[in-house]
N, C-alpha and C. Protein backbone atom coordinates (compact mmCIF):
# COMPACT_ATOMS: atom_id res chain seq x y z
N MET A 1 32.23 13.97 33.62
CA MET A 1 33.31 14.56 32.52
C MET A 1 32.05 16.22 31.89
N SER A 2 31.41 14.35 31.49
CA SER A 2 30.05 16.10 31.02
C SER A 2 29.50 17.06 31.16
N GLU A 3 29.31 17.27 32.46
CA GLU A 3 29.06 18.52 33.38
C GLU A 3 30.12 19.18 33.01
N LEU A 4 32.00 18.54 33.80
CA LEU A 4 32.91 19.74 33.27
C LEU A 4 32.97 20.99 31.95
N LEU A 5 32.79 19.83 30.99
CA LEU A 5 33.43 19.99 29.61
C LEU A 5 31.77 20.96 29.35
N ASP A 6 30.59 20.78 29.80
CA ASP A 6 29.62 21.50 30.10
C ASP A 6 29.76 23.00 29.97
N ALA A 7 29.95 23.47 31.50
CA ALA A 7 30.42 24.37 31.70
C ALA A 7 31.02 25.09 31.33
N VAL A 8 33.04 24.95 30.62
CA VAL A 8 33.63 25.01 30.50
C VAL A 8 33.26 25.77 28.90
N ASP A 9 32.13 25.33 27.94
CA ASP A 9 31.86 26.04 27.39
C ASP A 9 30.84 26.84 27.45
N ALA A 10 29.51 27.16 28.14
CA ALA A 10 28.90 28.19 28.60
C ALA A 10 30.03 29.40 28.94
N LEU A 11 30.72 29.14 30.09
CA LEU A 11 31.89 30.04 30.31
C LEU A 11 32.54 30.34 28.29
N VAL A 12 32.44 29.64 27.63
CA VAL A 12 34.23 30.22 26.06
C VAL A 12 31.93 31.19 25.11
N ALA A 13 30.90 30.81 25.70
CA ALA A 13 29.95 30.79 25.23
C ALA A 13 29.22 31.82 25.05
N ARG A 14 29.42 32.76 27.10
CA ARG A 14 29.38 33.68 27.15
C ARG A 14 29.62 34.72 26.48
N PRO A 15 28.39 35.66 25.91
CA PRO A 15 28.28 36.63 25.47
C PRO A 15 29.15 38.31 26.44
N ASP A 16 29.74 38.94 25.14
CA ASP A 16 30.51 39.98 25.60
C ASP A 16 29.66 40.86 26.38
N ILE A 17 30.73 41.74 27.27
CA ILE A 17 28.97 42.91 27.91
C ILE A 17 29.55 43.88 27.61
N LEU A 18 30.32 44.43 27.07
CA LEU A 18 30.82 45.68 26.38
C LEU A 18 30.68 45.89 25.24
N PRO A 19 30.54 46.85 24.47
CA PRO A 19 30.58 46.89 22.91
C PRO A 19 31.83 47.74 22.67
N PRO A 20 31.84 47.19 21.34
CA PRO A 20 33.18 47.41 19.86
C PRO A 20 33.76 48.66 20.41
N PRO A 21 35.24 48.02 20.62
CA PRO A 21 36.32 49.83 21.21
C PRO A 21 35.87 50.74 20.17
N GLU A 22 35.09 50.84 19.53
CA GLU A 22 34.89 52.15 18.98
C GLU A 22 33.37 52.93 18.91
N VAL A 23 32.93 52.06 19.80
CA VAL A 23 31.75 52.14 20.62
C VAL A 23 31.88 53.00 21.77
N ARG A 24 32.75 52.33 22.04
CA ARG A 24 33.40 53.27 23.64
C ARG A 24 33.85 53.93 23.80
N ALA A 25 34.42 54.49 22.58
CA ALA A 25 34.85 55.81 22.80
C ALA A 25 34.07 57.47 22.06
N ARG A 26 33.20 56.41 21.09
CA ARG A 26 32.19 57.35 20.70
C ARG A 26 31.50 57.40 21.74
N LEU A 27 30.87 57.01 22.48
CA LEU A 27 29.84 57.05 23.74
C LEU A 27 30.97 57.71 24.87
N ARG A 28 31.92 58.63 25.64
CA ARG A 28 32.26 58.84 25.97
C ARG A 28 32.68 60.21 25.44
N LYS A 29 33.31 60.28 24.85
CA LYS A 29 33.13 61.51 23.37
C LYS A 29 32.08 62.89 24.32
N ALA A 30 31.49 61.15 23.55
CA ALA A 30 29.66 61.51 23.17
C ALA A 30 29.08 62.60 24.22
N ASP A 31 29.53 62.72 25.54
CA ASP A 31 29.71 63.00 26.39
C ASP A 31 29.81 64.12 27.06
N GLY A 32 30.94 64.20 26.41
CA GLY A 32 32.36 65.62 26.87
C GLY A 32 33.39 65.09 27.89
N LEU A 33 33.66 63.50 27.93
CA LEU A 33 34.73 63.29 29.16
C LEU A 33 36.02 62.97 28.81
N THR A 34 36.98 63.47 29.33
CA THR A 34 37.59 62.61 28.93
C THR A 34 38.78 62.03 29.59
N GLN A 35 40.11 60.59 29.09
CA GLN A 35 40.14 59.84 29.26
C GLN A 35 40.60 59.86 30.80
N GLN A 36 41.18 61.14 31.43
CA GLN A 36 41.32 60.70 31.92
C GLN A 36 40.56 61.31 33.41
N GLU A 37 39.53 61.89 32.80
CA GLU A 37 37.86 62.31 34.22
C GLU A 37 37.79 61.13 34.06
N VAL A 38 37.08 60.48 33.39
CA VAL A 38 36.69 59.17 33.56
C VAL A 38 37.54 57.88 34.52
N ALA A 39 38.73 57.75 33.90
CA ALA A 39 39.38 57.12 34.58
C ALA A 39 39.98 57.41 36.30
N LYS A 40 39.82 58.34 36.55
CA LYS A 40 39.63 59.20 37.84
C LYS A 40 38.62 58.22 39.05
N VAL A 41 37.28 58.86 37.94
CA VAL A 41 36.27 57.38 38.72
C VAL A 41 36.25 56.38 38.77
N PHE A 42 37.33 55.39 38.05
CA PHE A 42 37.59 53.95 38.19
C PHE A 42 38.28 54.21 38.88
N GLY A 43 39.52 54.71 39.23
CA GLY A 43 40.21 55.21 40.30
C GLY A 43 41.71 54.33 39.73
N VAL A 44 41.75 54.52 38.01
CA VAL A 44 43.00 53.81 37.92
C VAL A 44 43.25 55.10 36.46
N THR A 45 44.82 54.56 35.90
CA THR A 45 45.07 55.44 35.84
C THR A 45 44.50 55.64 34.29
N ARG A 46 45.40 57.29 33.30
CA ARG A 46 44.50 57.39 32.41
C ARG A 46 45.20 56.39 30.89
N ALA A 47 46.52 55.85 31.36
CA ALA A 47 46.76 54.71 30.01
C ALA A 47 46.26 53.06 30.62
N ALA A 48 45.54 52.93 31.56
CA ALA A 48 44.63 51.51 32.24
C ALA A 48 43.67 51.95 31.15
N PHE A 49 43.11 53.20 31.96
CA PHE A 49 41.54 53.20 30.71
C PHE A 49 42.13 52.84 29.72
N ASN A 50 42.19 54.14 28.97
CA ASN A 50 42.97 53.86 27.73
C ASN A 50 43.19 51.87 26.50
N ARG A 51 43.43 51.39 27.50
CA ARG A 51 43.91 49.43 27.25
C ARG A 51 41.91 49.10 27.64
N TRP A 52 41.32 49.71 28.72
CA TRP A 52 39.94 48.84 28.65
C TRP A 52 39.79 49.62 26.91
N GLU A 53 39.34 51.35 26.86
CA GLU A 53 38.81 51.53 26.37
C GLU A 53 39.24 51.25 24.51
N VAL A 54 40.19 50.86 24.14
CA VAL A 54 40.49 50.26 22.75
C VAL A 54 40.86 48.60 22.97
N GLY A 55 40.00 47.76 24.40
CA GLY A 55 39.65 46.52 24.07
C GLY A 55 41.06 45.77 24.30
N ALA A 56 42.09 46.25 24.88
CA ALA A 56 43.53 45.68 24.62
C ALA A 56 43.20 44.61 25.96
N VAL A 57 42.92 45.43 27.03
CA VAL A 57 42.27 44.23 28.23
C VAL A 57 41.44 44.31 29.12
N LYS A 58 41.02 43.71 29.28
CA LYS A 58 39.41 43.85 29.97
C LYS A 58 39.24 44.00 31.99
N PRO A 59 38.97 45.56 32.55
CA PRO A 59 38.61 46.16 33.85
C PRO A 59 38.54 44.90 34.63
N HIS A 60 38.83 44.21 35.47
CA HIS A 60 38.72 42.81 36.69
C HIS A 60 37.16 43.06 36.59
N ARG A 61 36.74 42.23 37.41
CA ARG A 61 35.48 42.10 37.58
C ARG A 61 34.75 42.87 37.95
N HIS A 62 34.88 43.47 39.32
CA HIS A 62 34.02 44.77 40.07
C HIS A 62 33.20 46.32 38.75
N ARG A 63 35.14 46.06 38.35
CA ARG A 63 35.40 47.42 37.65
C ARG A 63 34.58 47.27 36.03
N LEU A 64 34.59 45.74 36.20
CA LEU A 64 34.44 45.42 34.39
C LEU A 64 33.21 45.31 34.91
N GLU A 65 31.67 45.36 35.68
CA GLU A 65 29.82 45.77 35.76
C GLU A 65 29.76 46.80 35.24
N ALA A 66 30.73 47.94 36.34
CA ALA A 66 30.83 49.14 36.65
C ALA A 66 30.58 49.68 35.30
N TYR A 67 31.44 49.65 34.88
CA TYR A 67 32.32 50.04 33.25
C TYR A 67 31.17 50.06 32.33
N ALA A 68 30.96 48.53 31.80
CA ALA A 68 29.94 48.24 31.29
C ALA A 68 27.96 48.97 31.64
N HIS A 69 27.92 49.32 32.72
CA HIS A 69 26.48 49.99 33.36
C HIS A 69 27.16 51.22 33.43
N LEU A 70 28.08 52.26 32.80
CA LEU A 70 27.82 53.21 32.11
C LEU A 70 28.16 53.68 31.01
N LEU A 71 28.41 52.86 30.02
CA LEU A 71 28.39 52.79 28.54
C LEU A 71 26.80 52.75 28.29
N ARG A 72 25.95 51.62 29.11
CA ARG A 72 24.83 51.56 28.98
C ARG A 72 24.27 53.02 28.93
N ARG A 73 24.59 52.73 30.30
CA ARG A 73 23.63 54.68 30.60
C ARG A 73 23.73 55.90 29.52
N TRP A 74 25.74 56.08 28.97
CA TRP A 74 25.48 56.95 27.60
C TRP A 74 24.94 56.62 26.56
N ALA A 75 24.74 54.82 25.94
CA ALA A 75 24.21 54.38 24.91
C ALA A 75 22.77 54.79 25.51
N THR A 76 22.11 55.38 26.12
CA THR A 76 20.46 55.52 26.57
C THR A 76 20.68 56.56 26.81
N LYS A 77 21.69 57.52 26.74
CA LYS A 77 21.44 59.01 27.14
C LYS A 77 22.12 59.33 25.76
N HIS A 78 22.68 58.70 25.59
CA HIS A 78 23.57 59.75 22.81
C HIS A 78 23.14 58.21 22.64
N PRO A 79 22.34 58.26 22.46
CA PRO A 79 21.38 56.58 21.33
C PRO A 79 22.44 57.56 19.63
N GLU A 80 22.26 58.77 19.53
CA GLU A 80 23.37 58.85 18.21
C GLU A 80 24.57 57.74 18.47
N ALA A 81 25.25 58.47 18.97
CA ALA A 81 26.47 58.14 19.45
C ALA A 81 27.10 55.94 19.45
N ALA A 82 25.38 55.31 19.65
CA ALA A 82 25.59 53.94 20.24
C ALA A 82 24.97 53.23 19.44
N GLU A 83 25.47 53.74 17.79
CA GLU A 83 25.42 53.06 16.60
C GLU A 83 25.96 51.72 17.20
N GLY A 84 25.77 50.71 16.48
CA GLY A 84 27.15 49.22 16.66
C GLY A 84 26.96 48.73 18.56
N PHE A 85 26.58 49.14 19.06
CA PHE A 85 26.37 49.13 20.98
C PHE A 85 26.21 47.19 21.08
N PHE A 86 25.46 46.68 20.06
CA PHE A 86 24.64 46.02 20.36
C PHE A 86 25.83 45.35 18.62
N ALA A 87 26.49 45.00 18.40
CA ALA A 87 27.34 44.64 17.13
C ALA A 87 26.81 43.18 16.24
N GLU A 88 26.16 42.67 16.79
CA GLU A 88 25.87 40.79 16.19
C GLU A 88 24.15 41.27 15.68
N THR A 89 23.86 42.61 16.81
CA THR A 89 22.15 42.79 16.19
C THR A 89 21.75 43.72 15.70
N ASP A 90 22.46 44.52 15.96
CA ASP A 90 22.49 46.22 14.56
C ASP A 90 22.55 45.91 13.16
């Protein structure tokens, strides 16, 4: 039972791979893209993408990893818009 509880604790302690919602929007805007344009790349509606961006829901696993990758690339490209990307370390 201890192994199971340890595994559950590890799941709960897993860090969020997405920056705070305000950083997500700031990075997208710094790159000059609309929610609609990004949603199209991910194959989702603008409304679905908006829910990701405001932090209401997280994308499913494969899209979550791709979205996190996009945000990291934007943070590298637009460091001025990336303040707060890693909230715990800024």
